Amino acid sequence: MIRVMARAQLNPGDTKGECYLRTGGEAARMIAEGRLMTAACFKWNHNVFLYYECMAEEHPPQALLPQAEDALVDWPGQA
């Protein structure tokens, strides 16, 4: 079991990005395929937190939410 935690911020005023995150992206498919055990995404203000558990190999956050990248910015203080 490989546990992954990721964080980012939504671009201010980007409602499309927030709506996409609510769909869960590819997480349900990856769980059904046995690639993930669980996945959860939480939002607080503009902060987004992603937690998921990979079964055999680690998958990058982009694999779960491939269309989210344009809606996200780096966490403050990190590049």
Protein backbone atom coordinates (compact mmCIF):
# COMPACT_ATOMS: atom_id res chain seq x y z
CA MET A 1 0.00 0.00 0.00
CA ILE A 2 1.42 3.37 -1.03
CA ARG A 3 -0.16 6.42 0.57
CA VAL A 4 -0.02 9.73 -1.29
CA MET A 5 -0.88 13.21 -0.05
CA ALA A 6 -0.84 16.21 -2.38
CA ARG A 7 -1.89 19.82 -2.03
CA ALA A 8 -2.41 22.80 -4.30
CA GLN A 9 -4.53 25.91 -4.56
CA LEU A 10 -7.36 26.69 -6.95
CA ASN A 11 -6.96 29.71 -9.17
CA PRO A 12 -9.18 32.36 -7.57
CA GLY A 13 -12.53 32.55 -9.33
CA ASP A 14 -12.03 29.31 -11.29
CA THR A 15 -15.40 27.61 -10.88
CA LYS A 16 -14.77 25.07 -13.67
CA GLY A 17 -11.81 23.64 -11.77
CA GLU A 18 -13.79 23.26 -8.59
CA CYS A 19 -16.66 21.58 -10.48
CA TYR A 20 -14.21 19.16 -12.10
CA LEU A 21 -12.68 18.24 -8.73
CA ARG A 22 -16.17 17.38 -7.48
CA THR A 23 -16.50 14.73 -10.24
CA GLY A 24 -13.60 12.76 -8.79
CA GLY A 25 -11.85 12.60 -12.15
CA GLU A 26 -10.50 9.11 -12.78
CA ALA A 27 -10.49 7.97 -9.13
CA ALA A 28 -13.64 5.80 -9.29
CA ARG A 29 -12.38 4.02 -12.41
CA MET A 30 -8.97 3.44 -10.84
CA ILE A 31 -10.61 2.02 -7.69
CA ALA A 32 -12.79 -0.30 -9.81
CA GLU A 33 -9.68 -1.47 -11.69
CA GLY A 34 -7.96 -2.31 -8.39
CA ARG A 35 -5.25 0.31 -8.86
CA LEU A 36 -6.39 2.39 -5.85
CA MET A 37 -7.82 1.37 -2.50
CA THR A 38 -9.38 4.76 -1.73
CA ALA A 39 -9.22 8.41 -2.72
CA ALA A 40 -10.46 11.63 -1.13
CA CYS A 41 -10.23 15.28 -2.09
CA PHE A 42 -10.95 18.11 0.34
CA LYS A 43 -11.25 21.84 -0.27
CA TRP A 44 -10.89 24.64 2.23
CA ASN A 45 -11.10 28.18 0.84
CA HIS A 46 -8.77 27.97 -2.18
CA ASN A 47 -6.74 25.11 -0.70
CA VAL A 48 -7.15 21.62 -2.17
CA PHE A 49 -5.91 18.47 -0.45
CA LEU A 50 -5.78 15.06 -2.13
CA TYR A 51 -5.24 11.77 -0.29
CA TYR A 52 -5.25 8.35 -1.93
CA GLU A 53 -3.89 4.85 -1.42
CA CYS A 54 -2.28 2.98 -4.32
CA MET A 55 -2.39 -0.80 -4.34
CA ALA A 56 0.81 -1.89 -6.13
CA GLU A 57 2.47 1.10 -7.79
CA GLU A 58 2.40 4.81 -7.09
CA HIS A 59 0.29 6.95 -9.41
CA PRO A 60 0.87 10.71 -9.67
CA PRO A 61 -2.00 13.06 -8.76
CA GLN A 62 -2.31 13.94 -12.45
CA ALA A 63 -3.45 10.35 -13.13
CA LEU A 64 -6.46 10.81 -10.83
CA LEU A 65 -7.36 14.34 -11.90
CA PRO A 66 -5.89 14.85 -15.39
CA GLN A 67 -8.00 17.90 -16.22
CA ALA A 68 -7.34 19.77 -12.97
CA GLU A 69 -3.88 21.13 -13.75
CA ASP A 70 -5.05 24.32 -15.46
CA ALA A 71 -7.25 25.17 -12.47
CA LEU A 72 -4.47 24.78 -9.90
CA VAL A 73 -1.54 26.90 -8.80
CA ASP A 74 1.44 25.97 -6.63
CA TRP A 75 1.10 26.02 -2.88
CA PRO A 76 2.28 29.42 -1.54
CA GLY A 77 6.01 29.44 -0.94
CA GLN A 78 6.71 26.50 -3.26
CA ALA A 79 7.54 26.36 -6.96
